[in-house]
Structure formats: C-alpha cells, structure tokens
C-alpha atoms as a PDB file:
ATOM      1  CA  MET A   1      30.061 -25.122 -26.500  1.00  0.00           C
ATOM      2  CA  ASN A   2      27.343 -26.122 -24.076  1.00  0.00           C
ATOM      3  CA  LEU A   3      27.706 -24.669 -20.600  1.00  0.00           C
ATOM      4  CA  VAL A   4      26.226 -25.584 -17.246  1.00  0.00           C
ATOM      5  CA  GLU A   5      24.616 -22.981 -15.021  1.00  0.00           C
ATOM      6  CA  ASP A   6      27.755 -21.665 -13.366  1.00  0.00           C
ATOM      7  CA  SER A   7      29.753 -21.630 -16.628  1.00  0.00           C
ATOM      8  CA  LYS A   8      31.836 -24.646 -15.653  1.00  0.00           C
ATOM      9  CA  LYS A   9      32.025 -27.141 -18.462  1.00  0.00           C
ATOM     10  CA  ILE A  10      30.968 -30.726 -18.991  1.00  0.00           C
ATOM     11  CA  ILE A  11      32.639 -31.652 -22.266  1.00  0.00           C
ATOM     12  CA  ASP A  12      34.092 -34.534 -24.230  1.00  0.00           C
ATOM     13  CA  LEU A  13      37.797 -35.104 -23.624  1.00  0.00           C
ATOM     14  CA  SER A  14      38.358 -34.694 -27.357  1.00  0.00           C
ATOM     15  CA  GLU A  15      37.438 -31.027 -26.926  1.00  0.00           C
ATOM     16  CA  ILE A  16      40.232 -30.417 -24.413  1.00  0.00           C
ATOM     17  CA  MET A  17      43.006 -28.550 -26.221  1.00  0.00           C
ATOM     18  CA  SER A  18      45.499 -27.945 -23.444  1.00  0.00           C
ATOM     19  CA  VAL A  19      45.981 -28.006 -19.703  1.00  0.00           C
ATOM     20  CA  PRO A  20      47.827 -25.089 -18.075  1.00  0.00           C
ATOM     21  CA  ALA A  21      50.865 -25.565 -15.866  1.00  0.00           C
ATOM     22  CA  ALA A  22      50.089 -25.684 -12.153  1.00  0.00           C
ATOM     23  CA  PRO A  23      51.680 -23.139  -9.754  1.00  0.00           C
ATOM     24  CA  ALA A  24      54.721 -24.183  -7.738  1.00  0.00           C
ATOM     25  CA  GLY A  25      53.783 -26.356  -4.775  1.00  0.00           C
ATOM     26  CA  TYR A  26      50.326 -27.075  -6.177  1.00  0.00           C
ATOM     27  CA  LYS A  27      48.761 -30.391  -5.150  1.00  0.00           C
ATOM     28  CA  SER A  28      46.664 -32.810  -7.184  1.00  0.00           C
ATOM     29  CA  GLY A  29      45.479 -36.383  -7.121  1.00  0.00           C
ATOM     30  CA  PHE A  30      42.675 -38.910  -7.327  1.00  0.00           C
ATOM     31  CA  VAL A  31      40.336 -39.690  -4.415  1.00  0.00           C
ATOM     32  CA  GLY A  32      38.252 -42.873  -4.539  1.00  0.00           C
ATOM     33  CA  ILE A  33      34.885 -42.605  -2.766  1.00  0.00           C
ATOM     34  CA  ILE A  34      34.150 -46.099  -1.463  1.00  0.00           C
ATOM     35  CA  GLY A  35      31.295 -47.463   0.634  1.00  0.00           C
ATOM     36  CA  ARG A  36      28.168 -49.565   0.881  1.00  0.00           C
ATOM     37  CA  PRO A  37      25.193 -48.779  -1.368  1.00  0.00           C
ATOM     38  CA  ASN A  38      23.086 -45.771  -0.433  1.00  0.00           C
ATOM     39  CA  VAL A  39      25.428 -44.136   2.099  1.00  0.00           C
ATOM     40  CA  GLY A  40      25.513 -40.850   0.160  1.00  0.00           C
ATOM     41  CA  LYS A  41      28.645 -41.161  -1.994  1.00  0.00           C
ATOM     42  CA  SER A  42      27.133 -39.472  -5.054  1.00  0.00           C
ATOM     43  CA  THR A  43      25.508 -36.752  -2.959  1.00  0.00           C
ATOM     44  CA  LEU A  44      28.890 -36.092  -1.374  1.00  0.00           C
ATOM     45  CA  MET A  45      30.677 -35.797  -4.710  1.00  0.00           C
ATOM     46  CA  ASN A  46      28.036 -33.386  -5.990  1.00  0.00           C
ATOM     47  CA  GLN A  47      28.479 -31.328  -2.806  1.00  0.00           C
ATOM     48  CA  LEU A  48      32.270 -31.278  -3.134  1.00  0.00           C
ATOM     49  CA  VAL A  49      32.282 -30.404  -6.841  1.00  0.00           C
ATOM     50  CA  GLY A  50      29.614 -27.765  -6.341  1.00  0.00           C
ATOM     51  CA  GLN A  51      27.047 -28.971  -8.821  1.00  0.00           C
ATOM     52  CA  LYS A  52      25.140 -32.066  -9.840  1.00  0.00           C
ATOM     53  CA  ILE A  53      27.076 -34.504 -12.002  1.00  0.00           C
ATOM     54  CA  ALA A  54      26.106 -37.777 -10.291  1.00  0.00           C
ATOM     55  CA  ILE A  55      22.528 -38.955  -9.939  1.00  0.00           C
ATOM     56  CA  THR A  56      21.044 -39.698  -6.543  1.00  0.00           C
ATOM     57  CA  SER A  57      17.909 -41.506  -5.397  1.00  0.00           C
ATOM     58  CA  PRO A  58      16.484 -43.289  -2.344  1.00  0.00           C
ATOM     59  CA  VAL A  59      17.100 -46.558  -4.211  1.00  0.00           C
ATOM     60  CA  SER A  60      20.424 -48.258  -3.488  1.00  0.00           C
ATOM     61  CA  GLN A  61      22.947 -49.022  -6.245  1.00  0.00           C
ATOM     62  CA  THR A  62      22.216 -45.797  -8.125  1.00  0.00           C
ATOM     63  CA  THR A  63      25.809 -45.361  -9.335  1.00  0.00           C
ATOM     64  CA  ARG A  64      26.920 -47.837 -11.990  1.00  0.00           C
ATOM     65  CA  ASN A  65      29.982 -46.717 -13.920  1.00  0.00           C
ATOM     66  CA  ARG A  66      32.865 -45.044 -12.113  1.00  0.00           C
ATOM     67  CA  LEU A  67      32.205 -41.333 -12.428  1.00  0.00           C
ATOM     68  CA  ARG A  68      34.861 -38.661 -12.021  1.00  0.00           C
ATOM     69  CA  GLY A  69      34.102 -35.293 -10.519  1.00  0.00           C
ATOM     70  CA  ILE A  70      36.762 -32.575 -10.620  1.00  0.00           C
ATOM     71  CA  LEU A  71      37.272 -29.924  -7.941  1.00  0.00           C
ATOM     72  CA  THR A  72      39.872 -27.258  -8.645  1.00  0.00           C
ATOM     73  CA  THR A  73      40.799 -24.825  -5.859  1.00  0.00           C
ATOM     74  CA  ASP A  74      43.670 -22.392  -5.316  1.00  0.00           C
ATOM     75  CA  GLU A  75      45.484 -25.152  -3.403  1.00  0.00           C
ATOM     76  CA  ALA A  76      44.751 -28.329  -5.279  1.00  0.00           C
ATOM     77  CA  GLN A  77      42.923 -30.179  -8.016  1.00  0.00           C
ATOM     78  CA  ILE A  78      41.053 -33.185  -6.630  1.00  0.00           C
ATOM     79  CA  ILE A  79      39.626 -35.774  -8.995  1.00  0.00           C
ATOM     80  CA  PHE A  80      36.891 -37.678  -7.153  1.00  0.00           C
ATOM     81  CA  VAL A  81      36.090 -41.173  -8.373  1.00  0.00           C
ATOM     82  CA  ASP A  82      32.525 -42.048  -7.359  1.00  0.00           C
ATOM     83  CA  THR A  83      32.115 -45.827  -7.330  1.00  0.00           C
ATOM     84  CA  PRO A  84      29.201 -48.277  -7.191  1.00  0.00           C
ATOM     85  CA  GLY A  85      28.330 -49.426  -3.688  1.00  0.00           C
ATOM     86  CA  ILE A  86      30.263 -52.520  -2.673  1.00  0.00           C
ATOM     87  CA  HIS A  87      27.836 -55.363  -1.970  1.00  0.00           C
ATOM     88  CA  LYS A  88      27.300 -59.065  -2.583  1.00  0.00           C
ATOM     89  CA  PRO A  89      26.426 -59.309  -6.306  1.00  0.00           C
ATOM     90  CA  HIS A  90      23.415 -61.292  -7.524  1.00  0.00           C
ATOM     91  CA  HIS A  91      23.870 -61.001 -11.319  1.00  0.00           C
ATOM     92  CA  GLN A  92      26.511 -60.149 -13.924  1.00  0.00           C
ATOM     93  CA  LEU A  93      25.810 -56.420 -13.653  1.00  0.00           C
ATOM     94  CA  GLY A  94      26.323 -56.623  -9.891  1.00  0.00           C
ATOM     95  CA  LYS A  95      29.634 -58.431 -10.404  1.00  0.00           C
ATOM     96  CA  VAL A  96      30.761 -55.738 -12.843  1.00  0.00           C
ATOM     97  CA  LEU A  97      29.784 -52.949 -10.425  1.00  0.00           C
ATOM     98  CA  VAL A  98      31.643 -54.468  -7.480  1.00  0.00           C
ATOM     99  CA  GLN A  99      34.712 -55.245  -9.595  1.00  0.00           C
ATOM    100  CA  ASN A 100      34.752 -51.649 -10.850  1.00  0.00           C
ATOM    101  CA  ALA A 101      34.688 -50.385  -7.271  1.00  0.00           C
ATOM    102  CA  ARG A 102      37.486 -52.730  -6.200  1.00  0.00           C
ATOM    103  CA  THR A 103      39.572 -51.711  -9.217  1.00  0.00           C
ATOM    104  CA  ALA A 104      39.126 -48.035  -8.319  1.00  0.00           C
ATOM    105  CA  ILE A 105      40.718 -48.676  -4.921  1.00  0.00           C
ATOM    106  CA  GLN A 106      43.925 -49.711  -6.669  1.00  0.00           C
ATOM    107  CA  SER A 107      44.068 -46.700  -8.984  1.00  0.00           C
ATOM    108  CA  VAL A 108      43.672 -43.674  -6.689  1.00  0.00           C
ATOM    109  CA  ASP A 109      45.933 -41.698  -4.354  1.00  0.00           C
ATOM    110  CA  VAL A 110      43.563 -41.559  -1.379  1.00  0.00           C
ATOM    111  CA  VAL A 111      40.544 -43.666  -0.396  1.00  0.00           C
ATOM    112  CA  LEU A 112      37.588 -41.945   1.261  1.00  0.00           C
ATOM    113  CA  PHE A 113      35.595 -44.709   2.948  1.00  0.00           C
ATOM    114  CA  VAL A 114      32.085 -43.306   3.442  1.00  0.00           C
ATOM    115  CA  VAL A 115      29.729 -44.848   6.002  1.00  0.00           C
ATOM    116  CA  ASP A 116      26.274 -43.995   7.294  1.00  0.00           C
ATOM    117  CA  GLY A 117      27.225 -42.264  10.517  1.00  0.00           C
ATOM    118  CA  SER A 118      23.645 -42.188  11.772  1.00  0.00           C
ATOM    119  CA  VAL A 119      23.558 -45.928  12.487  1.00  0.00           C
ATOM    120  CA  GLU A 120      25.896 -48.511  13.995  1.00  0.00           C
ATOM    121  CA  SER A 121      28.373 -50.315  11.751  1.00  0.00           C
ATOM    122  CA  GLY A 122      27.317 -53.556  10.093  1.00  0.00           C
ATOM    123  CA  GLY A 123      28.543 -56.554   8.149  1.00  0.00           C
ATOM    124  CA  GLY A 124      28.792 -54.582   4.902  1.00  0.00           C
ATOM    125  CA  ASP A 125      31.169 -52.114   6.536  1.00  0.00           C
ATOM    126  CA  ARG A 126      33.318 -54.938   7.912  1.00  0.00           C
ATOM    127  CA  TYR A 127      33.475 -56.501   4.442  1.00  0.00           C
ATOM    128  CA  ILE A 128      34.813 -53.263   2.949  1.00  0.00           C
ATOM    129  CA  ILE A 129      37.260 -52.791   5.825  1.00  0.00           C
ATOM    130  CA  GLU A 130      38.605 -56.264   5.073  1.00  0.00           C
ATOM    131  CA  ILE A 131      39.168 -55.215   1.450  1.00  0.00           C
ATOM    132  CA  LEU A 132      40.880 -52.009   2.572  1.00  0.00           C
ATOM    133  CA  SER A 133      43.077 -53.806   5.105  1.00  0.00           C
ATOM    134  CA  ASN A 134      45.587 -54.580   2.360  1.00  0.00           C
ATOM    135  CA  CYS A 135      45.387 -51.077   0.904  1.00  0.00           C
ATOM    136  CA  LYS A 136      48.793 -49.414   0.612  1.00  0.00           C
ATOM    137  CA  ILE A 137      47.444 -45.880   0.172  1.00  0.00           C
ATOM    138  CA  PRO A 138      45.975 -43.462   2.766  1.00  0.00           C
ATOM    139  CA  VAL A 139      42.406 -44.171   3.909  1.00  0.00           C
ATOM    140  CA  ILE A 140      40.070 -41.608   5.497  1.00  0.00           C
ATOM    141  CA  LEU A 141      36.882 -42.682   7.261  1.00  0.00           C
ATOM    142  CA  GLY A 142      34.044 -40.308   6.407  1.00  0.00           C
ATOM    143  CA  MET A 143      30.970 -40.569   8.623  1.00  0.00           C
ATOM    144  CA  ASN A 144      28.108 -39.138   6.576  1.00  0.00           C
ATOM    145  CA  LYS A 145      24.581 -38.090   7.615  1.00  0.00           C
ATOM    146  CA  LEU A 146      25.713 -35.893  10.485  1.00  0.00           C
ATOM    147  CA  ASP A 147      22.324 -34.186  10.204  1.00  0.00           C
ATOM    148  CA  GLU A 148      20.618 -37.490  11.088  1.00  0.00           C
ATOM    149  CA  GLN A 149      22.867 -38.515  13.983  1.00  0.00           C
ATOM    150  CA  PRO A 150      21.214 -38.862  17.383  1.00  0.00           C
ATOM    151  CA  GLU A 151      22.348 -36.415  20.061  1.00  0.00           C
ATOM    152  CA  ASP A 152      24.232 -39.206  21.807  1.00  0.00           C
ATOM    153  CA  SER A 153      26.264 -40.842  19.040  1.00  0.00           C
ATOM    154  CA  VAL A 154      28.886 -42.387  21.329  1.00  0.00           C
ATOM    155  CA  LEU A 155      27.613 -45.928  20.740  1.00  0.00           C
ATOM    156  CA  ILE A 156      27.676 -45.448  16.967  1.00  0.00           C
ATOM    157  CA  ASP A 157      31.222 -44.085  17.113  1.00  0.00           C
ATOM    158  CA  ARG A 158      32.308 -46.973  19.301  1.00  0.00           C
ATOM    159  CA  THR A 159      31.090 -49.601  16.821  1.00  0.00           C
ATOM    160  CA  TYR A 160      33.362 -48.096  14.169  1.00  0.00           C
ATOM    161  CA  GLU A 161      36.292 -47.618  16.527  1.00  0.00           C
ATOM    162  CA  GLN A 162      36.216 -51.364  17.187  1.00  0.00           C
ATOM    163  CA  ILE A 163      36.589 -52.359  13.524  1.00  0.00           C
ATOM    164  CA  VAL A 164      38.519 -49.648  11.646  1.00  0.00           C
ATOM    165  CA  ASN A 165      42.244 -49.091  11.505  1.00  0.00           C
ATOM    166  CA  PRO A 166      43.070 -46.663  14.349  1.00  0.00           C
ATOM    167  CA  GLU A 167      45.487 -44.847  12.020  1.00  0.00           C
ATOM    168  CA  TRP A 168      42.676 -43.775   9.694  1.00  0.00           C
ATOM    169  CA  PRO A 169      41.622 -40.140  10.227  1.00  0.00           C
ATOM    170  CA  VAL A 170      37.898 -39.755  10.951  1.00  0.00           C
ATOM    171  CA  VAL A 171      35.729 -36.845   9.844  1.00  0.00           C
ATOM    172  CA  LYS A 172      31.987 -36.338  10.289  1.00  0.00           C
ATOM    173  CA  PHE A 173      29.882 -34.431   7.758  1.00  0.00           C
ATOM    174  CA  SER A 174      26.525 -34.143   6.042  1.00  0.00           C
ATOM    175  CA  ALA A 175      26.691 -34.545   2.273  1.00  0.00           C
ATOM    176  CA  LEU A 176      23.116 -33.264   2.099  1.00  0.00           C
ATOM    177  CA  THR A 177      23.512 -29.988   4.015  1.00  0.00           C
ATOM    178  CA  GLY A 178      27.238 -29.430   3.467  1.00  0.00           C
ATOM    179  CA  GLU A 179      28.042 -29.297   7.184  1.00  0.00           C
ATOM    180  CA  GLY A 180      31.576 -30.540   7.814  1.00  0.00           C
ATOM    181  CA  VAL A 181      32.372 -30.886   4.102  1.00  0.00           C
ATOM    182  CA  GLU A 182      34.955 -28.071   4.085  1.00  0.00           C
ATOM    183  CA  PRO A 183      37.101 -29.701   6.816  1.00  0.00           C
ATOM    184  CA  LEU A 184      36.844 -32.957   4.871  1.00  0.00           C
ATOM    185  CA  GLN A 185      38.061 -31.197   1.735  1.00  0.00           C
ATOM    186  CA  GLN A 186      41.046 -29.741   3.580  1.00  0.00           C
ATOM    187  CA  LEU A 187      41.897 -33.136   5.043  1.00  0.00           C
ATOM    188  CA  LEU A 188      41.891 -34.663   1.574  1.00  0.00           C
ATOM    189  CA  ILE A 189      44.195 -31.937   0.264  1.00  0.00           C
ATOM    190  CA  GLU A 190      46.616 -32.607   3.138  1.00  0.00           C
ATOM    191  CA  HIS A 191      46.913 -36.210   1.948  1.00  0.00           C
ATOM    192  CA  LEU A 192      47.705 -35.297  -1.670  1.00  0.00           C
ATOM    193  CA  GLU A 193      51.168 -34.890  -3.156  1.00  0.00           C
ATOM    194  CA  VAL A 194      52.460 -31.973  -5.211  1.00  0.00           C
ATOM    195  CA  GLY A 195      51.341 -32.493  -8.792  1.00  0.00           C
ATOM    196  CA  PRO A 196      50.053 -30.954 -12.039  1.00  0.00           C
ATOM    197  CA  TYR A 197      46.627 -29.994 -13.312  1.00  0.00           C
ATOM    198  CA  TYR A 198      45.205 -33.203 -14.740  1.00  0.00           C
ATOM    199  CA  TYR A 199      42.302 -31.325 -16.305  1.00  0.00           C
ATOM    200  CA  PRO A 200      41.575 -27.704 -17.267  1.00  0.00           C
ATOM    201  CA  PRO A 201      40.597 -25.759 -14.116  1.00  0.00           C
ATOM    202  CA  ASP A 202      37.040 -25.065 -15.354  1.00  0.00           C
ATOM    203  CA  LEU A 203      36.154 -28.726 -15.957  1.00  0.00           C
ATOM    204  CA  VAL A 204      33.875 -30.480 -13.427  1.00  0.00           C
ATOM    205  CA  THR A 205      33.753 -33.984 -14.929  1.00  0.00           C
ATOM    206  CA  ASP A 206      35.513 -35.997 -17.622  1.00  0.00           C
ATOM    207  CA  GLN A 207      32.272 -37.661 -18.689  1.00  0.00           C
ATOM    208  CA  PRO A 208      30.722 -36.576 -22.017  1.00  0.00           C
ATOM    209  CA  GLU A 209      27.397 -34.782 -22.053  1.00  0.00           C
ATOM    210  CA  ARG A 210      25.648 -37.850 -23.503  1.00  0.00           C
ATOM    211  CA  PHE A 211      26.571 -39.866 -20.424  1.00  0.00           C
ATOM    212  CA  ILE A 212      25.247 -37.176 -18.088  1.00  0.00           C
ATOM    213  CA  MET A 213      22.026 -36.920 -20.110  1.00  0.00           C
ATOM    214  CA  GLY A 214      21.468 -40.662 -19.850  1.00  0.00           C
ATOM    215  CA  GLU A 215      22.103 -40.611 -16.109  1.00  0.00           C
ATOM    216  CA  LEU A 216      19.606 -37.770 -15.597  1.00  0.00           C
ATOM    217  CA  ILE A 217      16.946 -39.786 -17.432  1.00  0.00           C
ATOM    218  CA  ARG A 218      17.722 -42.885 -15.353  1.00  0.00           C
ATOM    219  CA  GLU A 219      17.508 -40.837 -12.162  1.00  0.00           C
ATOM    220  CA  GLN A 220      13.932 -39.800 -12.934  1.00  0.00           C
ATOM    221  CA  ILE A 221      12.984 -43.416 -13.621  1.00  0.00           C
ATOM    222  CA  LEU A 222      14.340 -44.407 -10.206  1.00  0.00           C
ATOM    223  CA  LEU A 223      12.538 -41.531  -8.499  1.00  0.00           C
ATOM    224  CA  LEU A 224       9.187 -42.003 -10.225  1.00  0.00           C
ATOM    225  CA  THR A 225       8.923 -45.803 -10.341  1.00  0.00           C
ATOM    226  CA  ARG A 226      10.923 -46.698  -7.180  1.00  0.00           C
ATOM    227  CA  GLU A 227      10.878 -50.472  -6.609  1.00  0.00           C
ATOM    228  CA  GLU A 228       8.527 -51.222  -9.505  1.00  0.00           C
ATOM    229  CA  VAL A 229      11.381 -51.011 -12.007  1.00  0.00           C
ATOM    230  CA  PRO A 230      14.468 -51.201  -9.791  1.00  0.00           C
ATOM    231  CA  HIS A 231      17.728 -51.777 -11.652  1.00  0.00           C
ATOM    232  CA  SER A 232      16.549 -53.438 -14.846  1.00  0.00           C
ATOM    233  CA  VAL A 233      16.952 -50.127 -16.679  1.00  0.00           C
ATOM    234  CA  ALA A 234      19.711 -48.884 -18.976  1.00  0.00           C
ATOM    235  CA  ILE A 235      19.661 -45.708 -21.058  1.00  0.00           C
ATOM    236  CA  ALA A 236      21.096 -45.301 -24.548  1.00  0.00           C
ATOM    237  CA  ILE A 237      21.318 -41.784 -25.991  1.00  0.00           C
ATOM    238  CA  ASP A 238      20.702 -42.460 -29.681  1.00  0.00           C
ATOM    239  CA  ILE A 239      20.736 -38.955 -31.180  1.00  0.00           C
ATOM    240  CA  VAL A 240      21.773 -35.506 -29.979  1.00  0.00           C
ATOM    241  CA  GLN A 241      21.046 -32.876 -32.597  1.00  0.00           C
ATOM    242  CA  GLU A 242      22.153 -29.357 -31.680  1.00  0.00           C
ATOM    243  CA  GLU A 243      20.510 -26.454 -33.468  1.00  0.00           C
ATOM    244  CA  ALA A 244      20.781 -22.707 -32.929  1.00  0.00           C
ATOM    245  CA  LYS A 245      18.078 -22.478 -30.259  1.00  0.00           C
ATOM    246  CA  ILE A 246      17.177 -26.071 -29.432  1.00  0.00           C
ATOM    247  CA  THR A 247      18.840 -29.406 -28.705  1.00  0.00           C
ATOM    248  CA  ARG A 248      16.894 -32.482 -29.817  1.00  0.00           C
ATOM    249  CA  ILE A 249      17.601 -35.683 -27.899  1.00  0.00           C
ATOM    250  CA  LEU A 250      16.324 -39.164 -28.741  1.00  0.00           C
ATOM    251  CA  ALA A 251      16.943 -41.840 -26.125  1.00  0.00           C
ATOM    252  CA  THR A 252      16.015 -45.498 -25.633  1.00  0.00           C
ATOM    253  CA  ILE A 253      15.174 -46.972 -22.225  1.00  0.00           C
ATOM    254  CA  HIS A 254      16.168 -50.650 -22.125  1.00  0.00           C
ATOM    255  CA  VAL A 255      14.334 -52.976 -19.725  1.00  0.00           C
ATOM    256  CA  GLU A 256      14.298 -56.745 -19.249  1.00  0.00           C
ATOM    257  CA  ARG A 257      10.578 -57.601 -19.269  1.00  0.00           C
ATOM    258  CA  ASP A 258       7.380 -56.559 -21.040  1.00  0.00           C
ATOM    259  CA  SER A 259       5.774 -55.841 -17.661  1.00  0.00           C
ATOM    260  CA  GLN A 260       8.514 -53.291 -16.919  1.00  0.00           C
ATOM    261  CA  LYS A 261       7.931 -51.683 -20.299  1.00  0.00           C
ATOM    262  CA  GLY A 262       4.251 -51.339 -19.418  1.00  0.00           C
ATOM    263  CA  ILE A 263       5.069 -49.687 -16.089  1.00  0.00           C
ATOM    264  CA  LEU A 264       7.436 -47.191 -17.725  1.00  0.00           C
ATOM    265  CA  ILE A 265       4.948 -46.244 -20.421  1.00  0.00           C
ATOM    266  CA  GLY A 266       1.996 -46.081 -18.041  1.00  0.00           C
ATOM    267  CA  LYS A 267      -1.665 -45.602 -18.844  1.00  0.00           C
ATOM    268  CA  SER A 268      -1.968 -43.749 -22.151  1.00  0.00           C
ATOM    269  CA  GLY A 269       1.758 -42.976 -21.930  1.00  0.00           C
ATOM    270  CA  SER A 270       1.383 -40.961 -18.710  1.00  0.00           C
ATOM    271  CA  MET A 271       4.441 -42.358 -16.882  1.00  0.00           C
ATOM    272  CA  LEU A 272       6.762 -41.957 -19.872  1.00  0.00           C
ATOM    273  CA  LYS A 273       5.520 -38.400 -20.263  1.00  0.00           C
ATOM    274  CA  SER A 274       6.263 -37.670 -16.584  1.00  0.00           C
ATOM    275  CA  ILE A 275       9.741 -39.192 -16.841  1.00  0.00           C
ATOM    276  CA  GLY A 276      10.486 -37.211 -19.994  1.00  0.00           C
ATOM    277  CA  SER A 277       9.226 -33.935 -18.530  1.00  0.00           C
ATOM    278  CA  ALA A 278      11.244 -34.292 -15.305  1.00  0.00           C
ATOM    279  CA  ALA A 279      14.391 -35.409 -17.143  1.00  0.00           C
ATOM    280  CA  ARG A 280      14.105 -32.542 -19.601  1.00  0.00           C
ATOM    281  CA  GLU A 281      14.049 -30.050 -16.712  1.00  0.00           C
ATOM    282  CA  GLN A 282      17.298 -31.521 -15.362  1.00  0.00           C
ATOM    283  CA  ILE A 283      18.979 -31.633 -18.777  1.00  0.00           C
ATOM    284  CA  GLN A 284      17.905 -28.031 -19.334  1.00  0.00           C
ATOM    285  CA  LYS A 285      20.272 -27.049 -16.511  1.00  0.00           C
ATOM    286  CA  LEU A 286      23.114 -28.712 -18.388  1.00  0.00           C
ATOM    287  CA  ILE A 287      22.916 -27.045 -21.792  1.00  0.00           C
ATOM    288  CA  GLU A 288      21.989 -23.746 -23.404  1.00  0.00           C
ATOM    289  CA  GLY A 289      18.766 -23.211 -25.327  1.00  0.00           C
ATOM    290  CA  LYS A 290      15.592 -25.271 -25.278  1.00  0.00           C
ATOM    291  CA  VAL A 291      15.560 -29.058 -24.996  1.00  0.00           C
ATOM    292  CA  TYR A 292      13.355 -31.488 -26.902  1.00  0.00           C
ATOM    293  CA  LEU A 293      13.505 -34.995 -25.416  1.00  0.00           C
ATOM    294  CA  GLU A 294      11.849 -38.043 -26.951  1.00  0.00           C
ATOM    295  CA  LEU A 295      11.969 -41.375 -25.142  1.00  0.00           C
ATOM    296  CA  PHE A 296      11.409 -44.916 -26.402  1.00  0.00           C
ATOM    297  CA  VAL A 297      11.201 -48.138 -24.366  1.00  0.00           C
ATOM    298  CA  LYS A 298      12.726 -51.393 -25.622  1.00  0.00           C
ATOM    299  CA  VAL A 299      12.756 -54.858 -24.036  1.00  0.00           C
ATOM    300  CA  GLN A 300      16.198 -56.504 -23.868  1.00  0.00           C
ATOM    301  CA  PRO A 301      15.702 -59.811 -21.974  1.00  0.00           C
ATOM    302  CA  LYS A 302      18.357 -60.546 -19.336  1.00  0.00           C
ATOM    303  CA  TRP A 303      20.655 -57.701 -20.420  1.00  0.00           C
ATOM    304  CA  ARG A 304      22.143 -57.522 -16.922  1.00  0.00           C
ATOM    305  CA  GLN A 305      23.351 -61.125 -17.242  1.00  0.00           C
ATOM    306  CA  SER A 306      25.229 -60.555 -20.522  1.00  0.00           C
ATOM    307  CA  ARG A 307      28.735 -59.088 -20.572  1.00  0.00           C
ATOM    308  CA  THR A 308      28.258 -58.298 -24.259  1.00  0.00           C
ATOM    309  CA  ARG A 309      25.033 -56.401 -23.621  1.00  0.00           C
ATOM    310  CA  LEU A 310      26.600 -54.552 -20.710  1.00  0.00           C
ATOM    311  CA  ALA A 311      29.480 -53.412 -22.919  1.00  0.00           C
ATOM    312  CA  GLU A 312      27.063 -52.350 -25.678  1.00  0.00           C
ATOM    313  CA  LEU A 313      25.131 -50.242 -23.174  1.00  0.00           C
ATOM    314  CA  GLY A 314      28.270 -48.431 -22.072  1.00  0.00           C
ATOM    315  CA  TYR A 315      29.260 -50.272 -18.890  1.00  0.00           C
ATOM    316  CA  ARG A 316      32.953 -50.658 -18.148  1.00  0.00           C
ATOM    317  CA  VAL A 317      33.372 -54.427 -18.202  1.00  0.00           C
ATOM    318  CA  GLU A 318      36.689 -55.541 -16.765  1.00  0.00           C
ATOM    319  CA  ASP A 319      38.180 -59.008 -16.414  1.00  0.00           C
END
C-alpha cells in the first residue's frame, strides 16, 4: 500500500474492504464547493482536508473533474466536492466543466459558495447566485482571501449583502493561511445531518493514485508555462510499475497544436525536463520509495471540442 506523508491513504475504491460503523449521533454528508474560477476553491479543500489532493495555480480553471476530499473528525465526516469554476463556456470542455459543477449542486447536502472577499462582487457572482436561487439545500457564503482584504472592507461586504440571500450564513476566511477555516468547518458540521461513515476514517480522497499523479503533472505545466499553454493540456498515465524500492511512471501529455508541443519540450528538452523534475518531487510526497517519471508529448488536434476525446482522457462527460 502506498501512503502519503501523514499516513492517510489515497487509494482505489476497489481496495476498500469495509467501513466501520459511526458512533451514535455522528454526522456526515457532502459539501459542494461552488464559485467562479480562481477564487481559491481547491486551496480551501486542501486546507480543510489537511493535505494536498487538488492542484492549484494562478491560472483560472485549474480544476476539471469533480474531486472529492474527505475530512473525518470526532464529530463528523465531511466529503468535499471541489468543482470547476462556473463561467461562460467557450468550447466543449468548458461546457462539460460547467455542467459538472451545476450537477454537483444537485447532489450534495450543503453548498459552500466561495467568493473572492478581497474585491467587490461582480457579474460572475450574480450568475451563480441566480443558479443557487432555486437550490433547495442549505447554502453558506464563504468569503475567501481574508488575508488580502483591505482594512475597510465595508464596501465589499455591502456589494454582497445586496445580491445574496439574507438567510445564507456568511463566514470570512483565508484558504491560504488557514485563518477562519476552523469556524467555517464547524459551521458546515452544524448544517449536516446524523449519518454514517461513507468512507474509512483514514481516507482523504476517493480518487485513485493515477488521477492524483496526472493532476500533479498538469499543475507543474500550468505553473511553468502559464499562459503559453493554458488549458490545451490533458494528462494520461499510461504505466505505473511498482517495484520494491522504486515506482516507474510513464505519462503522455496531450496538447492540441504542434506549437504547444514545442513549448512543452523546450530547447533541447529543457522545459519537459523541468516539468518532469518538479512533478516527480510532488509525486514523491504521495508514495513510498523512489519515483522514476518519464513524460511524452502527443498532439491531439481539437481534443477539447470532442466529447469522445474528453471521455477517453478521463473527463466525466454528462448529458
């Protein structure tokens, strides 16, 4: 069994043998983290769970598939559903991402609507509020980036007070520093019902290790290439070979154009080497033993426009 640094597990669901019975009065449930792109949803989930399971970057639309993070405390088990940022889609991938986020709203027990609390509300926030206006489940407004708020944030608060449902509880926090996250966690628990363990208490995500590996590779591409190769990248983990002291990973980076392939490879392979080195360091935190990572780059024209290609590359394509 591969273990993460703090001995909590990231495993395939097929490896789960049994889930213990929860104590009397124990609470559990699913919390959907909803918001515009780049407001800190993934950073918040990592902070709540206590370790990195979702990738983050300065580039918007980092999250693609719905990703579940699991927090188990003495009081409750909270399953966080991190969703793609809700925005106006410009291609088939964008449509899939937004539909996945909207679907998540209908399948959770509580919605945590995360906004950038360091700036005034905007049209994107109003669009999401309109979607949530017909929501029949509890909604909590989470104002992130408390560490970036100006000393006088009254005007910012007022812009949200004018557009949100006055019955929604409001909590301010910083997903980056952790300030205010504990009160947020307690507020979420208050809104959950008594229920069972959905997952073993030592599990932190229901995603298989291959998915996490692919996301860690994609994160380094976003960080190292920024806008040069924005969202035309998908990662396929082709081979994971576990040996006694080393895990060998072969992965393919799919892009849409030859020019993007050239950027990712770089002069004499320098960029691909940098991506591989940085990704290997992150994957090393996930598994025991040494890691050997080999990356290939393949051009798949217009893969973001094809539902078939999206499904082949592991995206949850829903009607």
